[in-house]
Protein backbone atom coordinates (compact mmCIF):
# COMPACT_ATOMS: atom_id res chain seq x y z
CA MET A 1 -12.77 -9.43 -22.20
CA SER A 2 -16.70 -8.48 -22.97
CA ARG A 3 -19.89 -8.46 -22.36
CA SER A 4 -20.68 -12.60 -22.82
CA GLN A 5 -16.92 -13.06 -21.39
CA PRO A 6 -16.41 -10.57 -18.68
CA SER A 7 -12.66 -10.12 -16.68
CA ASN A 8 -12.50 -13.38 -13.91
CA ARG A 9 -10.27 -10.36 -11.83
CA ILE A 10 -11.82 -10.02 -8.40
CA PRO A 11 -10.63 -7.19 -6.71
CA ASN A 12 -8.58 -7.76 -3.49
CA PRO A 13 -11.31 -7.29 -0.51
CA SER A 14 -8.90 -5.98 2.07
CA GLU A 15 -10.13 -3.11 3.24
CA ARG A 16 -6.73 -1.34 4.53
CA TRP A 17 -3.09 -2.47 4.02
CA LEU A 18 -0.48 -1.78 7.46
CA GLU A 19 2.85 -1.91 7.62
CA TRP A 20 4.90 -1.12 10.71
CA ASN A 21 6.75 1.82 10.90
CA GLY A 22 10.01 0.85 12.48
CA GLN A 23 11.08 4.82 12.96
CA ASN A 24 8.00 5.68 15.63
CA GLY A 25 7.07 2.01 16.61
CA ASN A 26 3.91 1.59 14.86
CA PHE A 27 1.83 0.88 12.43
CA VAL A 28 0.85 3.21 9.41
CA TYR A 29 -1.97 2.57 6.14
CA TYR A 30 -2.66 4.58 3.35
CA ASP A 31 -5.77 6.36 3.30
CA LYS A 32 -6.58 6.67 -0.53
CA ASP A 33 -9.88 8.39 -0.02
CA ALA A 34 -7.91 11.15 1.52
CA GLN A 35 -4.90 10.51 0.49
CA GLN A 36 -2.78 10.70 3.31
CA ARG A 37 -0.95 8.37 5.74
CA ARG A 38 -2.56 7.74 9.11
CA SER A 39 -1.33 6.13 12.14
CA VAL A 40 -2.92 3.28 13.76
CA LEU A 41 -2.38 3.60 18.29
CA LEU A 42 -1.32 0.40 20.41
CA PRO A 43 -2.25 -2.10 21.29
CA PHE A 44 -3.99 -3.30 17.92
CA THR A 45 -5.36 -6.50 18.00
CA PHE A 46 -5.86 -8.94 15.02
CA TRP A 47 -7.01 -12.42 14.08
CA TRP A 48 -5.06 -14.49 11.64
CA LEU A 49 -6.50 -15.60 8.17
CA GLU A 50 -4.07 -16.16 6.07
CA GLU A 51 0.14 -15.42 4.86
CA MET A 52 1.24 -14.86 1.87
CA LYS A 53 4.85 -13.82 0.46
CA ALA A 54 5.50 -10.92 -1.21
CA ILE A 55 8.56 -8.65 -2.53
CA GLY A 56 8.57 -4.80 -1.64
CA GLY A 57 10.64 -1.68 -1.57
CA PHE A 58 11.36 1.47 -2.69
CA ASP A 59 13.23 1.34 -6.62
CA SER A 60 15.91 4.35 -5.47
CA LYS A 61 16.37 4.85 -9.65
CA GLY A 62 12.56 5.32 -10.53
CA LYS A 63 11.40 6.71 -7.06
CA CYS A 64 8.58 4.69 -6.88
CA ARG A 65 6.93 1.38 -5.33
CA ILE A 66 8.58 -1.84 -5.68
CA TYR A 67 5.71 -4.90 -6.05
CA SER A 68 5.25 -8.45 -6.85
CA ASN A 69 2.57 -11.10 -7.28
CA GLU A 70 1.31 -12.67 -3.76
CA ILE A 71 3.04 -16.68 -3.50
CA ARG A 72 2.17 -19.30 -0.90
CA ASP A 73 5.35 -21.15 -1.11
CA THR A 74 8.91 -20.20 -2.35
CA GLN A 75 10.15 -23.20 -3.05
CA THR A 76 7.87 -23.93 -5.66
CA ASP A 77 6.43 -20.40 -6.83
CA ALA A 78 8.00 -18.12 -8.74
CA PHE A 79 7.93 -13.96 -8.43
CA VAL A 80 7.63 -11.39 -10.88
CA VAL A 81 9.22 -8.23 -9.22
CA LYS A 82 8.24 -4.83 -10.71
CA SER A 83 8.65 -1.12 -10.05
CA PHE A 84 6.24 1.56 -11.36
CA ASN A 85 8.49 3.39 -13.54
CA SER A 86 11.60 0.58 -14.39
CA GLY A 87 9.19 -2.37 -15.17
CA THR A 88 10.05 -5.78 -14.70
CA LEU A 89 13.52 -6.10 -12.19
CA ALA A 90 13.21 -9.78 -11.50
CA GLU A 91 11.55 -13.11 -12.28
CA GLY A 92 12.02 -16.59 -10.61
CA LEU A 93 12.21 -18.55 -7.52
CA TYR A 94 13.25 -16.54 -4.79
CA LYS A 95 16.29 -18.19 -3.69
CA ASP A 96 17.69 -17.56 -7.69
CA ILE A 97 16.45 -13.84 -7.99
CA LYS A 98 17.36 -12.79 -3.85
CA LYS A 99 20.30 -11.17 -5.07
CA ASP A 100 18.74 -9.02 -7.74
CA VAL A 101 16.01 -7.96 -5.89
CA GLU A 102 18.26 -6.40 -3.07
CA ALA A 103 20.02 -5.16 -6.27
CA ASN A 104 17.35 -3.24 -6.77
CA ASP A 105 16.17 -2.00 -3.16
CA GLY A 106 13.78 -4.74 -2.73
CA TYR A 107 13.36 -7.06 0.41
CA TYR A 108 10.98 -9.96 1.12
CA VAL A 109 7.58 -9.61 2.99
CA ALA A 110 4.89 -11.41 4.92
CA SER A 111 1.78 -10.79 3.66
CA VAL A 112 -0.38 -11.66 6.52
CA TYR A 113 -3.63 -11.33 5.73
CA VAL A 114 -5.89 -10.33 8.97
CA ALA A 115 -9.05 -9.50 11.03
CA PHE A 116 -9.85 -7.10 12.68
CA LYS A 117 -12.37 -4.68 14.42
CA ARG A 118 -12.87 -1.11 13.21
CA GLU A 119 -12.20 1.64 15.35
CA GLY A 120 -14.81 2.44 17.80
CA SER A 121 -17.05 -0.60 16.66
CA ASP A 122 -17.33 -3.67 17.22
CA SER A 123 -17.61 -4.57 13.45
CA PHE A 124 -14.83 -6.62 11.59
CA MET A 125 -12.56 -5.56 8.66
CA LEU A 126 -10.88 -7.43 6.36
CA GLY A 127 -7.14 -6.16 5.77
CA ASN A 128 -3.14 -6.99 5.15
CA ILE A 129 -0.06 -6.27 7.42
CA ARG A 130 3.30 -6.63 5.39
CA PHE A 131 5.91 -7.53 7.95
CA LYS A 132 9.63 -6.77 6.65
CA ARG A 133 13.54 -6.73 7.72
CA ALA A 134 13.31 -6.48 11.68
CA ALA A 135 9.57 -6.87 12.03
CA LEU A 136 9.54 -9.74 9.92
CA ALA A 137 12.02 -11.55 11.82
CA ALA A 138 10.24 -10.71 15.03
CA TRP A 139 6.92 -11.76 13.67
CA LEU A 140 8.59 -15.52 12.07
CA ASP A 141 10.15 -16.14 15.64
CA PHE A 142 6.96 -15.41 17.66
CA THR A 143 4.73 -17.54 14.67
CA LYS A 144 7.46 -20.66 15.03
CA LYS A 145 7.06 -20.23 19.15
CA HIS A 146 3.16 -20.30 19.12
CA GLY A 147 2.08 -22.39 16.32
CA LYS A 148 -1.51 -23.22 16.13
CA ASP A 149 -2.06 -20.67 19.21
CA ILE A 150 -2.16 -18.15 16.26
CA GLU A 151 -5.06 -19.77 14.25
CA GLU A 152 -7.45 -20.52 17.32
CA LYS A 153 -7.00 -17.20 19.54
CA ALA A 154 -6.03 -14.28 18.27
CA VAL A 155 -2.98 -11.71 18.60
CA THR A 156 -2.17 -8.36 20.08
CA VAL A 157 0.89 -6.01 18.88
CA THR A 158 1.53 -4.65 22.52
CA GLY A 159 4.15 -2.44 21.85
CA TYR A 160 7.97 -2.73 21.07
CA THR A 161 11.80 -2.90 21.70
CA GLU A 162 14.40 -0.71 20.53
CA ALA A 163 17.51 -2.17 18.38
CA THR A 164 20.64 -0.20 16.93
CA THR A 165 22.04 -0.78 13.77
CA GLY A 166 25.34 0.90 14.11
CA ARG A 167 23.65 4.25 15.15
CA VAL A 168 20.28 4.06 13.73
CA THR A 169 17.78 3.45 16.97
CA TYR A 170 14.48 1.40 15.66
CA ARG A 171 11.43 -0.20 16.98
CA VAL A 172 10.64 -3.76 16.99
CA PRO A 173 6.13 -5.11 17.40
CA LYS A 174 5.73 -7.14 20.67
CA PHE A 175 3.40 -9.90 20.19
CA GLU A 176 1.03 -11.70 22.62
CA VAL A 177 -1.07 -14.60 21.99
CA THR A 178 -4.53 -13.30 23.36
CA GLU A 179 -8.14 -14.78 24.16
CA THR A 180 -10.77 -14.45 21.55
CA THR A 181 -14.58 -15.39 22.10
CA ALA A 182 -17.11 -16.69 19.82
CA ALA A 183 -18.03 -14.20 18.58
CA ALA A 184 -14.97 -12.50 17.33
CA GLN A 185 -14.16 -16.29 15.87
CA SER A 186 -17.04 -16.38 13.90
CA ALA A 187 -17.01 -12.90 12.22
CA ALA A 188 -13.05 -13.69 11.46
CA LEU A 189 -14.01 -16.92 10.04
CA ALA A 190 -16.87 -15.20 8.14
CA LEU A 191 -14.21 -12.65 6.49
CA ASP A 192 -11.91 -15.68 5.69
CA GLY A 193 -14.29 -17.39 3.49
CA GLU A 194 -14.31 -13.93 1.83
CA LEU A 195 -10.37 -14.43 1.85
CA GLN A 196 -10.28 -17.99 0.41
CA ALA A 197 -12.33 -17.22 -2.87
CA TYR A 198 -10.23 -13.98 -3.95
CA LEU A 199 -7.34 -16.35 -3.30
CA THR A 200 -8.64 -18.93 -5.36
CA ALA A 201 -9.55 -16.88 -8.33
CA TYR A 202 -6.14 -14.45 -7.96
CA LEU A 203 -3.88 -17.85 -8.15
CA LYS A 204 -5.46 -18.75 -10.89
CA ARG A 205 -4.14 -16.22 -12.98
CA THR A 206 -0.53 -16.31 -14.72
CA VAL A 207 2.04 -15.00 -12.42
CA ALA A 208 2.64 -11.63 -14.82
CA GLU A 209 -0.97 -11.26 -14.21
CA ARG A 210 -1.09 -11.27 -10.52
CA ALA A 211 2.14 -8.99 -10.12
CA ASP A 212 -0.37 -6.17 -11.80
CA VAL A 213 -2.88 -6.77 -10.09
CA GLU A 214 -1.07 -5.62 -6.76
CA ARG A 215 -0.07 -2.88 -8.55
CA ASP A 216 -3.20 -1.31 -7.23
CA VAL A 217 -2.51 -2.52 -3.49
CA PRO A 218 -3.20 1.69 -2.16
CA GLN A 219 0.66 2.04 -0.34
CA ASP A 220 2.55 4.68 0.24
CA ILE A 221 6.02 3.71 0.46
CA THR A 222 8.96 5.94 0.75
CA ALA A 223 12.52 5.75 1.43
CA ALA A 224 12.49 6.92 4.30
CA ASP A 225 10.58 3.40 5.57
CA ILE A 226 12.97 1.03 3.96
CA PRO A 227 15.83 0.43 6.93
CA PHE A 228 13.45 -1.24 9.32
């Protein structure tokens, strides 16, 4: 990188990274400025823009977050899975590294880019929702059932259902397709244009460079979040 040949790195335009908290049955995000976790009340409505795939988790040995590059196709695109303190944990197609990922307390996630309204405002922001495990299964079932409606309308998480594994009770998000407006559709399309410009530049980088970009995502993931 130099003044005549500047870096082609474009920061991820998402303003907020949300995760489903299966213990409390709501979304949470890490407020980097305040350095604390915040909750998002339900119902929560969003407009789907793009879905990528990634690896997340908590490295119990290194006591830190696991992360990877984002990909579009698990059949053709390779992951580089890293831990903040343990370095590279696995590399390759998901089918080939799945056992190594799970052995290191990692898991597959859907990285869903969305538009949603700012609190107390009609303006929109670009964000990312990461679904894992039980929440991921619910999301995949929902998208399989509703298909095109997700691309053309809005999605609302209206609440949750409870499930039990052994002695552990956890909460799974309930999704509904909801109607949208021309103004909301226009705002979502504008943000998608910004997102696609970022993804085009992002996917031109090497797999290792893409993984390093994900290191900067402001998430506060602890071991307590892992089961569901």
